Amino acid sequence: MRPAVMPENLLERIALFSGLVPTPLFNIIRTVPPEQAAKIINRAFQSLDQAGTVVILDSEHSGEENNLSATAGFNELFFFLINGTKVYPQDLIRNWLSAARFTNPKNKKLLRMPMPRFLTAQKPAG
């Protein structure tokens, strides 16, 4: 799905700082089409030093299209209305991390936020 409004050259304008540990990707993945989200995760891998960490903070989506909770359904509709995109399921994000060669993906809990996705993964050392 193509967003309703896509800034020109968005991928090139996202700055990732080389060697920064961790590299945060907060509320970025859901704002771009799947192909660009995968490229952003790959760029994060390239920018990290060995044993660096990527941190993805976004809204959670179970992967179920027809059986969403009220919060997940609201998030899905909200992001579609704002920028024509959607929240991606965890399995898809984990596939992007694996394709970029990140290891050890872990979910973390943020207790005060409804339905957050807080996922970390490591760039292998050596």
Foldseek 3Di string as FASTA:
>chain_A
DAWPDDPPPPLVPDDFAAADAETEDEAPLQQGPLVSSLVNLLVNLVRHDAFGKYKYKDFEDQQDPPDGDPVQVVQQVVSCVPINTGDDHPVSVVVSNVVSPWDDKDFDDDPPDPRMTIIMTTHHHD
